[in-house]
C-alpha atoms as a PDB file:
ATOM      1  CA  MET A   1       0.091   0.045   0.122  1.00  0.00           C
ATOM      2  CA  GLN A   2       1.125   3.412  -0.903  1.00  0.00           C
ATOM      3  CA  SER A   3       2.000   5.888   2.172  1.00  0.00           C
ATOM      4  CA  ASP A   4       2.825   9.579   2.371  1.00  0.00           C
ATOM      5  CA  ALA A   5       4.636   9.275   5.651  1.00  0.00           C
ATOM      6  CA  SER A   6       6.079   6.309   7.760  1.00  0.00           C
ATOM      7  CA  LEU A   7       6.722   5.756  11.368  1.00  0.00           C
ATOM      8  CA  ASP A   8       8.627   2.935  13.066  1.00  0.00           C
ATOM      9  CA  CYS A   9       7.117   1.935  16.287  1.00  0.00           C
ATOM     10  CA  ARG A  10       9.000  -1.563  16.470  1.00  0.00           C
ATOM     11  CA  GLY A  11      10.217  -2.357  19.922  1.00  0.00           C
ATOM     12  CA  LEU A  12       7.452  -0.292  21.730  1.00  0.00           C
ATOM     13  CA  SER A  13       4.835  -1.563  23.683  1.00  0.00           C
ATOM     14  CA  CYS A  14       1.283   0.041  24.360  1.00  0.00           C
ATOM     15  CA  PRO A  15       0.419   2.669  24.526  1.00  0.00           C
ATOM     16  CA  MET A  16       3.654   4.039  22.766  1.00  0.00           C
ATOM     17  CA  PRO A  17       2.857   3.235  19.187  1.00  0.00           C
ATOM     18  CA  ILE A  18      -0.665   5.041  19.326  1.00  0.00           C
ATOM     19  CA  LEU A  19       0.734   8.157  21.197  1.00  0.00           C
ATOM     20  CA  LYS A  20       3.474   8.450  18.469  1.00  0.00           C
ATOM     21  CA  ALA A  21       1.056   7.927  15.737  1.00  0.00           C
ATOM     22  CA  ALA A  22      -0.987  10.633  16.969  1.00  0.00           C
ATOM     23  CA  LYS A  23       1.764  13.028  17.169  1.00  0.00           C
ATOM     24  CA  LYS A  24       2.968  11.992  13.733  1.00  0.00           C
ATOM     25  CA  ILE A  25      -0.543  12.273  11.991  1.00  0.00           C
ATOM     26  CA  LYS A  26      -0.644  15.720  13.029  1.00  0.00           C
ATOM     27  CA  GLU A  27       2.321  16.553  10.750  1.00  0.00           C
ATOM     28  CA  ILE A  28       0.725  15.362   7.503  1.00  0.00           C
ATOM     29  CA  ASP A  29      -2.089  16.883   5.452  1.00  0.00           C
ATOM     30  CA  ALA A  30      -5.467  15.897   5.471  1.00  0.00           C
ATOM     31  CA  GLY A  31      -6.166  12.797   3.109  1.00  0.00           C
ATOM     32  CA  GLN A  32      -2.528  11.648   3.273  1.00  0.00           C
ATOM     33  CA  VAL A  33      -1.871   8.208   4.631  1.00  0.00           C
ATOM     34  CA  LEU A  34       0.522   7.209   7.448  1.00  0.00           C
ATOM     35  CA  GLU A  35       2.200   3.969   7.467  1.00  0.00           C
ATOM     36  CA  VAL A  36       3.066   2.752  11.039  1.00  0.00           C
ATOM     37  CA  LEU A  37       5.433  -0.176  11.734  1.00  0.00           C
ATOM     38  CA  ALA A  38       4.964  -1.913  14.783  1.00  0.00           C
ATOM     39  CA  ASP A  39       5.699  -5.411  16.450  1.00  0.00           C
ATOM     40  CA  ASP A  40       3.224  -5.088  19.443  1.00  0.00           C
ATOM     41  CA  PRO A  41       0.549  -7.513  18.889  1.00  0.00           C
ATOM     42  CA  GLY A  42      -2.125  -5.076  20.678  1.00  0.00           C
ATOM     43  CA  GLY A  43      -1.582  -3.058  17.587  1.00  0.00           C
ATOM     44  CA  GLU A  44      -4.181  -5.013  15.727  1.00  0.00           C
ATOM     45  CA  GLU A  45      -6.986  -3.927  17.893  1.00  0.00           C
ATOM     46  CA  ASP A  46      -5.764  -0.423  19.112  1.00  0.00           C
ATOM     47  CA  PHE A  47      -5.187   1.109  15.761  1.00  0.00           C
ATOM     48  CA  PRO A  48      -8.639   0.260  14.274  1.00  0.00           C
ATOM     49  CA  ALA A  49     -10.091   1.555  17.765  1.00  0.00           C
ATOM     50  CA  TRP A  50      -8.052   4.778  17.807  1.00  0.00           C
ATOM     51  CA  CYS A  51      -9.127   5.427  14.135  1.00  0.00           C
ATOM     52  CA  GLU A  52     -12.665   5.154  15.265  1.00  0.00           C
ATOM     53  CA  GLN A  53     -12.104   7.519  17.985  1.00  0.00           C
ATOM     54  CA  THR A  54     -10.324  10.235  16.119  1.00  0.00           C
ATOM     55  CA  GLY A  55     -12.341   9.844  12.971  1.00  0.00           C
ATOM     56  CA  ASN A  56      -9.252   8.858  10.893  1.00  0.00           C
ATOM     57  CA  GLU A  57      -9.784   5.817   8.468  1.00  0.00           C
ATOM     58  CA  PHE A  58      -8.057   2.744   9.092  1.00  0.00           C
ATOM     59  CA  LEU A  59      -7.265   1.311   5.685  1.00  0.00           C
ATOM     60  CA  GLY A  60      -5.895  -2.196   6.776  1.00  0.00           C
ATOM     61  CA  GLN A  61      -2.655  -4.024   7.823  1.00  0.00           C
ATOM     62  CA  GLU A  62       0.068  -5.959   6.225  1.00  0.00           C
ATOM     63  CA  SER A  63       1.946  -8.603   8.138  1.00  0.00           C
ATOM     64  CA  GLU A  64       5.611  -8.901   7.582  1.00  0.00           C
ATOM     65  CA  GLU A  65       7.988 -11.852   9.101  1.00  0.00           C
ATOM     66  CA  ASP A  66       8.338 -10.050  12.734  1.00  0.00           C
ATOM     67  CA  TYR A  67       6.155  -6.916  12.639  1.00  0.00           C
ATOM     68  CA  MET A  68       3.030  -5.515  11.171  1.00  0.00           C
ATOM     69  CA  LYS A  69       2.413  -2.571   8.875  1.00  0.00           C
ATOM     70  CA  PHE A  70      -0.967  -0.241   9.640  1.00  0.00           C
ATOM     71  CA  TYR A  71      -2.124   2.293   7.085  1.00  0.00           C
ATOM     72  CA  ILE A  72      -3.998   5.045   8.524  1.00  0.00           C
ATOM     73  CA  LYS A  73      -5.561   7.952   6.213  1.00  0.00           C
ATOM     74  CA  LYS A  74      -5.811  11.266   7.934  1.00  0.00           C
ATOM     75  CA  LYS A  75      -9.397  12.641   8.266  1.00  0.00           C
ATOM     76  CA  ALA A  76     -10.253  15.809   5.974  1.00  0.00           C
END
């Protein structure tokens, strides 16, 4: 999936990936996509829930060998 910005949160545990994503998404423009790399298994539930709370769009996730990529589209 194509992204406009990337954030590496590998090695961090909850709630740090969400907190860092919340900060990073403020730096991109509305409609752009943020890719978050994370290896905390809680991210599979946390990122969609966070998007629902904030109005951002959760576009999905991709699994790599030892981490996941989460894609979030900033709300307009």
